Amino acid sequence: MKRTAKIAAAAVIALGAGTVSAFAACNGDAGTETALGAGSGALVGGLASHSIVGAVVGGVAGGVIGNSIGHSNNRADCRRDRAYRRGNEHDSHYYDRDGHRHDYYR
């Protein structure tokens, strides 16, 4: 029963740490999520298998999953940023090839 409790506690910590970086920027960087996934995957894999090999496999799998989550967060943040900018299009403008400013209005 102690082993199951350790694995459950590690899984709760891993899930809690995975939600910390939910407010990512639209910058294409998924390093934090990859590191959190690799660390928590290694922890759970090591506790579940009681071996170094299990920790390595868990770390690799967790890193891949964390990287995927990080890129998904970035895509969502970029969509949110574009939607915000679309709502403020009346503030946007462009200059034509003659140097004249043109404003966008709805």
PDB file of N, CA and C in Angstrom:
ATOM      1  N   MET A   1       0.817  -1.194   0.000  1.00  0.00           N
ATOM      2  CA  MET A   1       0.000   0.000   0.000  1.00  0.00           C
ATOM      3  C   MET A   1       0.859   1.255   0.000  1.00  0.00           C
ATOM      4  N   LYS A   2       2.040   1.175   0.599  1.00  0.00           N
ATOM      5  CA  LYS A   2       2.907   2.344   0.639  1.00  0.00           C
ATOM      6  C   LYS A   2       3.341   2.745  -0.769  1.00  0.00           C
ATOM      7  N   ARG A   3       3.595   1.745  -1.609  1.00  0.00           N
ATOM      8  CA  ARG A   3       4.038   2.024  -2.977  1.00  0.00           C
ATOM      9  C   ARG A   3       2.949   2.745  -3.761  1.00  0.00           C
ATOM     10  N   THR A   4       1.715   2.308  -3.616  1.00  0.00           N
ATOM     11  CA  THR A   4       0.601   2.944  -4.304  1.00  0.00           C
ATOM     12  C   THR A   4       0.408   4.374  -3.814  1.00  0.00           C
ATOM     13  N   ALA A   5       0.582   4.604  -2.521  1.00  0.00           N
ATOM     14  CA  ALA A   5       0.433   5.951  -1.976  1.00  0.00           C
ATOM     15  C   ALA A   5       1.522   6.877  -2.513  1.00  0.00           C
ATOM     16  N   LYS A   6       2.744   6.369  -2.651  1.00  0.00           N
ATOM     17  CA  LYS A   6       3.833   7.183  -3.200  1.00  0.00           C
ATOM     18  C   LYS A   6       3.567   7.542  -4.659  1.00  0.00           C
ATOM     19  N   ILE A   7       3.110   6.587  -5.424  1.00  0.00           N
ATOM     20  CA  ILE A   7       2.807   6.841  -6.833  1.00  0.00           C
ATOM     21  C   ILE A   7       1.658   7.838  -6.956  1.00  0.00           C
ATOM     22  N   ALA A   8       0.635   7.694  -6.129  1.00  0.00           N
ATOM     23  CA  ALA A   8      -0.497   8.624  -6.168  1.00  0.00           C
ATOM     24  C   ALA A   8      -0.057  10.031  -5.791  1.00  0.00           C
ATOM     25  N   ALA A   9       0.799  10.144  -4.768  1.00  0.00           N
ATOM     26  CA  ALA A   9       1.288  11.461  -4.357  1.00  0.00           C
ATOM     27  C   ALA A   9       2.141  12.093  -5.458  1.00  0.00           C
ATOM     28  N   ALA A  10       2.985  11.289  -6.100  1.00  0.00           N
ATOM     29  CA  ALA A  10       3.807  11.813  -7.192  1.00  0.00           C
ATOM     30  C   ALA A  10       2.943  12.254  -8.360  1.00  0.00           C
ATOM     31  N   ALA A  11       1.881  11.525  -8.641  1.00  0.00           N
ATOM     32  CA  ALA A  11       0.987  11.903  -9.737  1.00  0.00           C
ATOM     33  C   ALA A  11       0.257  13.205  -9.429  1.00  0.00           C
ATOM     34  N   VAL A  12      -0.154  13.389  -8.171  1.00  0.00           N
ATOM     35  CA  VAL A  12      -0.818  14.636  -7.778  1.00  0.00           C
ATOM     36  C   VAL A  12       0.141  15.813  -7.901  1.00  0.00           C
ATOM     37  N   ILE A  13       1.392  15.628  -7.484  1.00  0.00           N
ATOM     38  CA  ILE A  13       2.405  16.687  -7.602  1.00  0.00           C
ATOM     39  C   ILE A  13       2.665  16.994  -9.071  1.00  0.00           C
ATOM     40  N   ALA A  14       2.757  15.960  -9.887  1.00  0.00           N
ATOM     41  CA  ALA A  14       3.015  16.169 -11.313  1.00  0.00           C
ATOM     42  C   ALA A  14       1.862  16.918 -11.979  1.00  0.00           C
ATOM     43  N   LEU A  15       0.638  16.580 -11.643  1.00  0.00           N
ATOM     44  CA  LEU A  15      -0.506  17.286 -12.219  1.00  0.00           C
ATOM     45  C   LEU A  15      -0.565  18.728 -11.734  1.00  0.00           C
ATOM     46  N   GLY A  16      -0.237  18.938 -10.474  1.00  0.00           N
ATOM     47  CA  GLY A  16      -0.213  20.300  -9.941  1.00  0.00           C
ATOM     48  C   GLY A  16       0.860  21.140 -10.594  1.00  0.00           C
ATOM     49  N   ALA A  17       2.030  20.572 -10.811  1.00  0.00           N
ATOM     50  CA  ALA A  17       3.124  21.309 -11.455  1.00  0.00           C
ATOM     51  C   ALA A  17       2.822  21.567 -12.918  1.00  0.00           C
ATOM     52  N   GLY A  18       2.058  20.718 -13.535  1.00  0.00           N
ATOM     53  CA  GLY A  18       1.722  20.897 -14.945  1.00  0.00           C
ATOM     54  C   GLY A  18       0.787  22.058 -15.196  1.00  0.00           C
ATOM     55  N   THR A  19       0.024  22.451 -14.191  1.00  0.00           N
ATOM     56  CA  THR A  19      -0.899  23.573 -14.367  1.00  0.00           C
ATOM     57  C   THR A  19      -0.253  24.914 -14.042  1.00  0.00           C
ATOM     58  N   VAL A  20       0.945  24.914 -13.505  1.00  0.00           N
ATOM     59  CA  VAL A  20       1.617  26.163 -13.147  1.00  0.00           C
ATOM     60  C   VAL A  20       1.875  27.018 -14.370  1.00  0.00           C
ATOM     61  N   SER A  21       2.261  26.426 -15.466  1.00  0.00           N
ATOM     62  CA  SER A  21       2.641  27.190 -16.648  1.00  0.00           C
ATOM     63  C   SER A  21       1.484  27.358 -17.625  1.00  0.00           C
ATOM     64  N   ALA A  22       0.276  27.444 -17.112  1.00  0.00           N
ATOM     65  CA  ALA A  22      -0.879  27.575 -17.994  1.00  0.00           C
ATOM     66  C   ALA A  22      -0.952  28.955 -18.648  1.00  0.00           C
ATOM     67  N   PHE A  23      -0.253  29.935 -18.103  1.00  0.00           N
ATOM     68  CA  PHE A  23      -0.275  31.283 -18.652  1.00  0.00           C
ATOM     69  C   PHE A  23       0.994  31.538 -19.430  1.00  0.00           C
ATOM     70  N   ALA A  24       1.185  30.789 -20.501  1.00  0.00           N
ATOM     71  CA  ALA A  24       2.375  30.940 -21.337  1.00  0.00           C
ATOM     72  C   ALA A  24       2.175  32.095 -22.310  1.00  0.00           C
ATOM     73  N   ALA A  25       3.248  32.544 -22.903  1.00  0.00           N
ATOM     74  CA  ALA A  25       3.169  33.626 -23.882  1.00  0.00           C
ATOM     75  C   ALA A  25       3.147  33.040 -25.285  1.00  0.00           C
ATOM     76  N   CYS A  26       2.791  33.861 -26.217  1.00  0.00           N
ATOM     77  CA  CYS A  26       2.755  33.439 -27.618  1.00  0.00           C
ATOM     78  C   CYS A  26       4.152  33.612 -28.198  1.00  0.00           C
ATOM     79  N   ASN A  27       5.090  32.824 -27.733  1.00  0.00           N
ATOM     80  CA  ASN A  27       6.482  32.988 -28.163  1.00  0.00           C
ATOM     81  C   ASN A  27       7.099  31.705 -28.703  1.00  0.00           C
ATOM     82  N   GLY A  28       6.365  30.610 -28.748  1.00  0.00           N
ATOM     83  CA  GLY A  28       6.881  29.370 -29.303  1.00  0.00           C
ATOM     84  C   GLY A  28       7.810  28.608 -28.382  1.00  0.00           C
ATOM     85  N   ASP A  29       7.980  29.046 -27.132  1.00  0.00           N
ATOM     86  CA  ASP A  29       8.888  28.391 -26.198  1.00  0.00           C
ATOM     87  C   ASP A  29       8.105  27.420 -25.327  1.00  0.00           C
ATOM     88  N   ALA A  30       8.508  26.159 -25.334  1.00  0.00           N
ATOM     89  CA  ALA A  30       7.843  25.144 -24.523  1.00  0.00           C
ATOM     90  C   ALA A  30       8.836  24.505 -23.558  1.00  0.00           C
ATOM     91  N   GLY A  31       9.911  25.203 -23.240  1.00  0.00           N
ATOM     92  CA  GLY A  31      10.967  24.641 -22.400  1.00  0.00           C
ATOM     93  C   GLY A  31      10.523  24.344 -20.983  1.00  0.00           C
ATOM     94  N   THR A  32       9.720  25.241 -20.396  1.00  0.00           N
ATOM     95  CA  THR A  32       9.271  25.030 -19.018  1.00  0.00           C
ATOM     96  C   THR A  32       8.385  23.797 -18.927  1.00  0.00           C
ATOM     97  N   GLU A  33       7.465  23.679 -19.847  1.00  0.00           N
ATOM     98  CA  GLU A  33       6.562  22.530 -19.824  1.00  0.00           C
ATOM     99  C   GLU A  33       7.310  21.227 -20.079  1.00  0.00           C
ATOM    100  N   THR A  34       8.316  21.269 -20.955  1.00  0.00           N
ATOM    101  CA  THR A  34       9.116  20.073 -21.232  1.00  0.00           C
ATOM    102  C   THR A  34       9.880  19.644 -19.987  1.00  0.00           C
ATOM    103  N   ALA A  35      10.490  20.602 -19.300  1.00  0.00           N
ATOM    104  CA  ALA A  35      11.253  20.285 -18.091  1.00  0.00           C
ATOM    105  C   ALA A  35      10.342  19.748 -16.984  1.00  0.00           C
ATOM    106  N   LEU A  36       9.176  20.385 -16.798  1.00  0.00           N
ATOM    107  CA  LEU A  36       8.242  19.887 -15.784  1.00  0.00           C
ATOM    108  C   LEU A  36       7.751  18.484 -16.119  1.00  0.00           C
ATOM    109  N   GLY A  37       7.460  18.236 -17.383  1.00  0.00           N
ATOM    110  CA  GLY A  37       6.998  16.908 -17.790  1.00  0.00           C
ATOM    111  C   GLY A  37       8.071  15.847 -17.605  1.00  0.00           C
ATOM    112  N   ALA A  38       9.318  16.193 -17.967  1.00  0.00           N
ATOM    113  CA  ALA A  38      10.412  15.228 -17.823  1.00  0.00           C
ATOM    114  C   ALA A  38      10.676  14.921 -16.355  1.00  0.00           C
ATOM    115  N   GLY A  39      10.670  15.952 -15.530  1.00  0.00           N
ATOM    116  CA  GLY A  39      10.919  15.738 -14.101  1.00  0.00           C
ATOM    117  C   GLY A  39       9.837  14.910 -13.441  1.00  0.00           C
ATOM    118  N   SER A  40       8.593  15.259 -13.695  1.00  0.00           N
ATOM    119  CA  SER A  40       7.502  14.507 -13.076  1.00  0.00           C
ATOM    120  C   SER A  40       7.398  13.101 -13.657  1.00  0.00           C
ATOM    121  N   GLY A  41       7.684  12.948 -14.957  1.00  0.00           N
ATOM    122  CA  GLY A  41       7.667  11.606 -15.553  1.00  0.00           C
ATOM    123  C   GLY A  41       8.754  10.714 -14.974  1.00  0.00           C
ATOM    124  N   ALA A  42       9.942  11.290 -14.745  1.00  0.00           N
ATOM    125  CA  ALA A  42      11.025  10.513 -14.141  1.00  0.00           C
ATOM    126  C   ALA A  42      10.675  10.126 -12.710  1.00  0.00           C
ATOM    127  N   LEU A  43      10.042  11.038 -11.989  1.00  0.00           N
ATOM    128  CA  LEU A  43       9.652  10.746 -10.608  1.00  0.00           C
ATOM    129  C   LEU A  43       8.634   9.615 -10.554  1.00  0.00           C
ATOM    130  N   VAL A  44       7.597   9.724 -11.355  1.00  0.00           N
ATOM    131  CA  VAL A  44       6.563   8.683 -11.345  1.00  0.00           C
ATOM    132  C   VAL A  44       7.112   7.368 -11.897  1.00  0.00           C
ATOM    133  N   GLY A  45       7.906   7.427 -12.975  1.00  0.00           N
ATOM    134  CA  GLY A  45       8.483   6.199 -13.540  1.00  0.00           C
ATOM    135  C   GLY A  45       9.430   5.507 -12.581  1.00  0.00           C
ATOM    136  N   GLY A  46      10.234   6.298 -11.861  1.00  0.00           N
ATOM    137  CA  GLY A  46      11.152   5.702 -10.881  1.00  0.00           C
ATOM    138  C   GLY A  46      10.428   5.089  -9.704  1.00  0.00           C
ATOM    139  N   LEU A  47       9.396   5.770  -9.216  1.00  0.00           N
ATOM    140  CA  LEU A  47       8.639   5.219  -8.094  1.00  0.00           C
ATOM    141  C   LEU A  47       7.829   3.991  -8.495  1.00  0.00           C
ATOM    142  N   ALA A  48       7.322   3.990  -9.701  1.00  0.00           N
ATOM    143  CA  ALA A  48       6.496   2.865 -10.138  1.00  0.00           C
ATOM    144  C   ALA A  48       7.325   1.613 -10.391  1.00  0.00           C
ATOM    145  N   SER A  49       8.544   1.784 -10.925  1.00  0.00           N
ATOM    146  CA  SER A  49       9.328   0.608 -11.302  1.00  0.00           C
ATOM    147  C   SER A  49      10.471   0.294 -10.339  1.00  0.00           C
ATOM    148  N   HIS A  50      10.815   1.213  -9.467  1.00  0.00           N
ATOM    149  CA  HIS A  50      11.946   1.049  -8.549  1.00  0.00           C
ATOM    150  C   HIS A  50      13.246   0.769  -9.295  1.00  0.00           C
ATOM    151  N   SER A  51      13.424   1.407 -10.448  1.00  0.00           N
ATOM    152  CA  SER A  51      14.656   1.210 -11.204  1.00  0.00           C
ATOM    153  C   SER A  51      15.016   2.488 -11.944  1.00  0.00           C
ATOM    154  N   ILE A  52      16.290   2.572 -12.318  1.00  0.00           N
ATOM    155  CA  ILE A  52      16.777   3.719 -13.083  1.00  0.00           C
ATOM    156  C   ILE A  52      16.166   3.712 -14.483  1.00  0.00           C
ATOM    157  N   VAL A  53      16.022   2.520 -15.050  1.00  0.00           N
ATOM    158  CA  VAL A  53      15.464   2.410 -16.401  1.00  0.00           C
ATOM    159  C   VAL A  53      14.038   2.964 -16.427  1.00  0.00           C
ATOM    160  N   GLY A  54      13.257   2.649 -15.419  1.00  0.00           N
ATOM    161  CA  GLY A  54      11.895   3.172 -15.338  1.00  0.00           C
ATOM    162  C   GLY A  54      11.874   4.683 -15.214  1.00  0.00           C
ATOM    163  N   ALA A  55      12.827   5.231 -14.455  1.00  0.00           N
ATOM    164  CA  ALA A  55      12.908   6.681 -14.323  1.00  0.00           C
ATOM    165  C   ALA A  55      13.295   7.333 -15.637  1.00  0.00           C
ATOM    166  N   VAL A  56      14.213   6.722 -16.375  1.00  0.00           N
ATOM    167  CA  VAL A  56      14.631   7.279 -17.668  1.00  0.00           C
ATOM    168  C   VAL A  56      13.483   7.224 -18.671  1.00  0.00           C
ATOM    169  N   VAL A  57      12.815   6.088 -18.730  1.00  0.00           N
ATOM    170  CA  VAL A  57      11.685   5.954 -19.657  1.00  0.00           C
ATOM    171  C   VAL A  57      10.571   6.942 -19.279  1.00  0.00           C
ATOM    172  N   GLY A  58      10.292   7.057 -17.993  1.00  0.00           N
ATOM    173  CA  GLY A  58       9.279   8.011 -17.540  1.00  0.00           C
ATOM    174  C   GLY A  58       9.671   9.444 -17.836  1.00  0.00           C
ATOM    175  N   GLY A  59      10.968   9.752 -17.685  1.00  0.00           N
ATOM    176  CA  GLY A  59      11.443  11.101 -17.980  1.00  0.00           C
ATOM    177  C   GLY A  59      11.318  11.448 -19.447  1.00  0.00           C
ATOM    178  N   VAL A  60      11.668  10.510 -20.299  1.00  0.00           N
ATOM    179  CA  VAL A  60      11.555  10.747 -21.753  1.00  0.00           C
ATOM    180  C   VAL A  60      10.090  10.903 -22.149  1.00  0.00           C
ATOM    181  N   ALA A  61       9.250  10.002 -21.668  1.00  0.00           N
ATOM    182  CA  ALA A  61       7.823  10.084 -21.997  1.00  0.00           C
ATOM    183  C   ALA A  61       7.209  11.370 -21.446  1.00  0.00           C
ATOM    184  N   GLY A  62       7.564  11.726 -20.215  1.00  0.00           N
ATOM    185  CA  GLY A  62       7.045  12.958 -19.631  1.00  0.00           C
ATOM    186  C   GLY A  62       7.529  14.191 -20.372  1.00  0.00           C
ATOM    187  N   GLY A  63       8.781  14.169 -20.837  1.00  0.00           N
ATOM    188  CA  GLY A  63       9.301  15.295 -21.617  1.00  0.00           C
ATOM    189  C   GLY A  63       8.567  15.471 -22.929  1.00  0.00           C
ATOM    190  N   VAL A  64       8.277  14.377 -23.593  1.00  0.00           N
ATOM    191  CA  VAL A  64       7.542  14.446 -24.862  1.00  0.00           C
ATOM    192  C   VAL A  64       6.125  14.975 -24.632  1.00  0.00           C
ATOM    193  N   ILE A  65       5.475  14.466 -23.600  1.00  0.00           N
ATOM    194  CA  ILE A  65       4.114  14.919 -23.296  1.00  0.00           C
ATOM    195  C   ILE A  65       4.125  16.383 -22.868  1.00  0.00           C
ATOM    196  N   GLY A  66       5.088  16.772 -22.028  1.00  0.00           N
ATOM    197  CA  GLY A  66       5.186  18.167 -21.599  1.00  0.00           C
ATOM    198  C   GLY A  66       5.449  19.109 -22.755  1.00  0.00           C
ATOM    199  N   ASN A  67       6.281  18.687 -23.698  1.00  0.00           N
ATOM    200  CA  ASN A  67       6.556  19.499 -24.874  1.00  0.00           C
ATOM    201  C   ASN A  67       5.294  19.686 -25.698  1.00  0.00           C
ATOM    202  N   SER A  68       4.528  18.633 -25.849  1.00  0.00           N
ATOM    203  CA  SER A  68       3.271  18.719 -26.595  1.00  0.00           C
ATOM    204  C   SER A  68       2.291  19.666 -25.900  1.00  0.00           C
ATOM    205  N   ILE A  69       2.198  19.589 -24.587  1.00  0.00           N
ATOM    206  CA  ILE A  69       1.317  20.473 -23.835  1.00  0.00           C
ATOM    207  C   ILE A  69       1.789  21.920 -23.964  1.00  0.00           C
ATOM    208  N   GLY A  70       3.103  22.135 -23.912  1.00  0.00           N
ATOM    209  CA  GLY A  70       3.643  23.486 -24.036  1.00  0.00           C
ATOM    210  C   GLY A  70       3.320  24.113 -25.375  1.00  0.00           C
ATOM    211  N   HIS A  71       3.461  23.350 -26.443  1.00  0.00           N
ATOM    212  CA  HIS A  71       3.131  23.883 -27.769  1.00  0.00           C
ATOM    213  C   HIS A  71       1.636  24.124 -27.913  1.00  0.00           C
ATOM    214  N   SER A  72       0.826  23.271 -27.292  1.00  0.00           N
ATOM    215  CA  SER A  72      -0.622  23.483 -27.314  1.00  0.00           C
ATOM    216  C   SER A  72      -0.985  24.765 -26.574  1.00  0.00           C
ATOM    217  N   ASN A  73      -0.344  25.006 -25.418  1.00  0.00           N
ATOM    218  CA  ASN A  73      -0.588  26.250 -24.685  1.00  0.00           C
ATOM    219  C   ASN A  73      -0.190  27.458 -25.521  1.00  0.00           C
ATOM    220  N   ASN A  74       0.936  27.366 -26.219  1.00  0.00           N
ATOM    221  CA  ASN A  74       1.379  28.484 -27.048  1.00  0.00           C
ATOM    222  C   ASN A  74       0.392  28.761 -28.176  1.00  0.00           C
ATOM    223  N   ARG A  75      -0.119  27.698 -28.798  1.00  0.00           N
ATOM    224  CA  ARG A  75      -1.100  27.901 -29.870  1.00  0.00           C
ATOM    225  C   ARG A  75      -2.359  28.570 -29.334  1.00  0.00           C
ATOM    226  N   ALA A  76      -2.810  28.137 -28.163  1.00  0.00           N
ATOM    227  CA  ALA A  76      -4.007  28.738 -27.569  1.00  0.00           C
ATOM    228  C   ALA A  76      -3.760  30.206 -27.226  1.00  0.00           C
ATOM    229  N   ASP A  77      -2.576  30.512 -26.712  1.00  0.00           N
ATOM    230  CA  ASP A  77      -2.255  31.901 -26.384  1.00  0.00           C
ATOM    231  C   ASP A  77      -2.172  32.753 -27.637  1.00  0.00           C
ATOM    232  N   CYS A  78      -1.649  32.210 -28.720  1.00  0.00           N
ATOM    233  CA  CYS A  78      -1.578  32.960 -29.973  1.00  0.00           C
ATOM    234  C   CYS A  78      -2.977  33.213 -30.526  1.00  0.00           C
ATOM    235  N   ARG A  79      -3.867  32.212 -30.421  1.00  0.00           N
ATOM    236  CA  ARG A  79      -5.239  32.402 -30.877  1.00  0.00           C
ATOM    237  C   ARG A  79      -5.934  33.490 -30.065  1.00  0.00           C
ATOM    238  N   ARG A  80      -5.720  33.462 -28.750  1.00  0.00           N
ATOM    239  CA  ARG A  80      -6.318  34.458 -27.872  1.00  0.00           C
ATOM    240  C   ARG A  80      -5.793  35.855 -28.195  1.00  0.00           C
ATOM    241  N   ASP A  81      -4.493  35.943 -28.481  1.00  0.00           N
ATOM    242  CA  ASP A  81      -3.883  37.221 -28.821  1.00  0.00           C
ATOM    243  C   ASP A  81      -4.440  37.754 -30.140  1.00  0.00           C
ATOM    244  N   ARG A  82      -4.591  36.871 -31.136  1.00  0.00           N
ATOM    245  CA  ARG A  82      -5.156  37.304 -32.419  1.00  0.00           C
ATOM    246  C   ARG A  82      -6.606  37.749 -32.262  1.00  0.00           C
ATOM    247  N   ALA A  83      -7.375  37.048 -31.446  1.00  0.00           N
ATOM    248  CA  ALA A  83      -8.770  37.429 -31.232  1.00  0.00           C
ATOM    249  C   ALA A  83      -8.848  38.797 -30.554  1.00  0.00           C
ATOM    250  N   TYR A  84      -7.948  39.058 -29.638  1.00  0.00           N
ATOM    251  CA  TYR A  84      -7.934  40.372 -28.986  1.00  0.00           C
ATOM    252  C   TYR A  84      -7.586  41.462 -29.991  1.00  0.00           C
ATOM    253  N   ARG A  85      -6.616  41.187 -30.816  1.00  0.00           N
ATOM    254  CA  ARG A  85      -6.223  42.190 -31.808  1.00  0.00           C
ATOM    255  C   ARG A  85      -7.327  42.411 -32.834  1.00  0.00           C
ATOM    256  N   ARG A  86      -8.047  41.339 -33.186  1.00  0.00           N
ATOM    257  CA  ARG A  86      -9.141  41.471 -34.130  1.00  0.00           C
ATOM    258  C   ARG A  86     -10.234  42.365 -33.566  1.00  0.00           C
ATOM    259  N   GLY A  87     -10.420  42.309 -32.258  1.00  0.00           N
ATOM    260  CA  GLY A  87     -11.422  43.145 -31.615  1.00  0.00           C
ATOM    261  C   GLY A  87     -11.030  44.611 -31.595  1.00  0.00           C
ATOM    262  N   ASN A  88      -9.756  44.917 -31.776  1.00  0.00           N
ATOM    263  CA  ASN A  88      -9.276  46.293 -31.752  1.00  0.00           C
ATOM    264  C   ASN A  88      -8.750  46.732 -33.109  1.00  0.00           C
ATOM    265  N   GLU A  89      -9.384  46.272 -34.176  1.00  0.00           N
ATOM    266  CA  GLU A  89      -8.883  46.584 -35.509  1.00  0.00           C
ATOM    267  C   GLU A  89      -8.988  48.051 -35.862  1.00  0.00           C
ATOM    268  N   HIS A  90      -9.896  48.777 -35.238  1.00  0.00           N
ATOM    269  CA  HIS A  90     -10.033  50.177 -35.579  1.00  0.00           C
ATOM    270  C   HIS A  90      -8.793  50.976 -35.188  1.00  0.00           C
ATOM    271  N   ASP A  91      -7.950  50.406 -34.351  1.00  0.00           N
ATOM    272  CA  ASP A  91      -6.702  51.066 -33.982  1.00  0.00           C
ATOM    273  C   ASP A  91      -5.578  50.738 -34.959  1.00  0.00           C
ATOM    274  N   SER A  92      -5.815  49.830 -35.907  1.00  0.00           N
ATOM    275  CA  SER A  92      -4.765  49.389 -36.810  1.00  0.00           C
ATOM    276  C   SER A  92      -4.697  50.282 -38.041  1.00  0.00           C
ATOM    277  N   HIS A  93      -3.551  50.300 -38.652  1.00  0.00           N
ATOM    278  CA  HIS A  93      -3.359  51.083 -39.863  1.00  0.00           C
ATOM    279  C   HIS A  93      -2.231  50.481 -40.695  1.00  0.00           C
ATOM    280  N   TYR A  94      -2.109  50.957 -41.922  1.00  0.00           N
ATOM    281  CA  TYR A  94      -1.001  50.560 -42.771  1.00  0.00           C
ATOM    282  C   TYR A  94      -0.626  51.753 -43.648  1.00  0.00           C
ATOM    283  N   TYR A  95       0.565  51.699 -44.178  1.00  0.00           N
ATOM    284  CA  TYR A  95       1.035  52.727 -45.091  1.00  0.00           C
ATOM    285  C   TYR A  95       1.158  52.125 -46.488  1.00  0.00           C
ATOM    286  N   ASP A  96       0.614  52.807 -47.474  1.00  0.00           N
ATOM    287  CA  ASP A  96       0.734  52.299 -48.834  1.00  0.00           C
ATOM    288  C   ASP A  96       2.109  52.655 -49.405  1.00  0.00           C
ATOM    289  N   ARG A  97       2.334  52.273 -50.653  1.00  0.00           N
ATOM    290  CA  ARG A  97       3.658  52.470 -51.224  1.00  0.00           C
ATOM    291  C   ARG A  97       4.003  53.937 -51.470  1.00  0.00           C
ATOM    292  N   ASP A  98       2.994  54.820 -51.420  1.00  0.00           N
ATOM    293  CA  ASP A  98       3.250  56.248 -51.566  1.00  0.00           C
ATOM    294  C   ASP A  98       3.461  56.932 -50.223  1.00  0.00           C
ATOM    295  N   GLY A  99       3.374  56.164 -49.130  1.00  0.00           N
ATOM    296  CA  GLY A  99       3.597  56.722 -47.803  1.00  0.00           C
ATOM    297  C   GLY A  99       2.354  57.270 -47.139  1.00  0.00           C
ATOM    298  N   HIS A 100       1.174  57.017 -47.706  1.00  0.00           N
ATOM    299  CA  HIS A 100      -0.074  57.510 -47.130  1.00  0.00           C
ATOM    300  C   HIS A 100      -0.602  56.505 -46.109  1.00  0.00           C
ATOM    301  N   ARG A 101      -1.047  57.025 -44.979  1.00  0.00           N
ATOM    302  CA  ARG A 101      -1.577  56.169 -43.912  1.00  0.00           C
ATOM    303  C   ARG A 101      -3.050  55.871 -44.178  1.00  0.00           C
ATOM    304  N   HIS A 102      -3.435  54.594 -43.998  1.00  0.00           N
ATOM    305  CA  HIS A 102      -4.817  54.156 -44.144  1.00  0.00           C
ATOM    306  C   HIS A 102      -5.195  53.412 -42.874  1.00  0.00           C
ATOM    307  N   ASP A 103      -6.351  53.775 -42.298  1.00  0.00           N
ATOM    308  CA  ASP A 103      -6.822  53.132 -41.082  1.00  0.00           C
ATOM    309  C   ASP A 103      -7.826  52.040 -41.416  1.00  0.00           C
ATOM    310  N   TYR A 104      -7.808  50.983 -40.598  1.00  0.00           N
ATOM    311  CA  TYR A 104      -8.778  49.907 -40.734  1.00  0.00           C
ATOM    312  C   TYR A 104      -9.977  50.211 -39.848  1.00  0.00           C
ATOM    313  N   TYR A 105     -11.141  50.150 -40.425  1.00  0.00           N
ATOM    314  CA  TYR A 105     -12.386  50.286 -39.667  1.00  0.00           C
ATOM    315  C   TYR A 105     -13.288  49.136 -40.025  1.00  0.00           C
ATOM    316  N   ARG A 106     -14.189  48.813 -39.148  1.00  0.00           N
ATOM    317  CA  ARG A 106     -15.121  47.729 -39.422  1.00  0.00           C
ATOM    318  C   ARG A 106     -16.279  48.211 -40.232  1.00  0.00           C
TER     319      ARG A 106
END
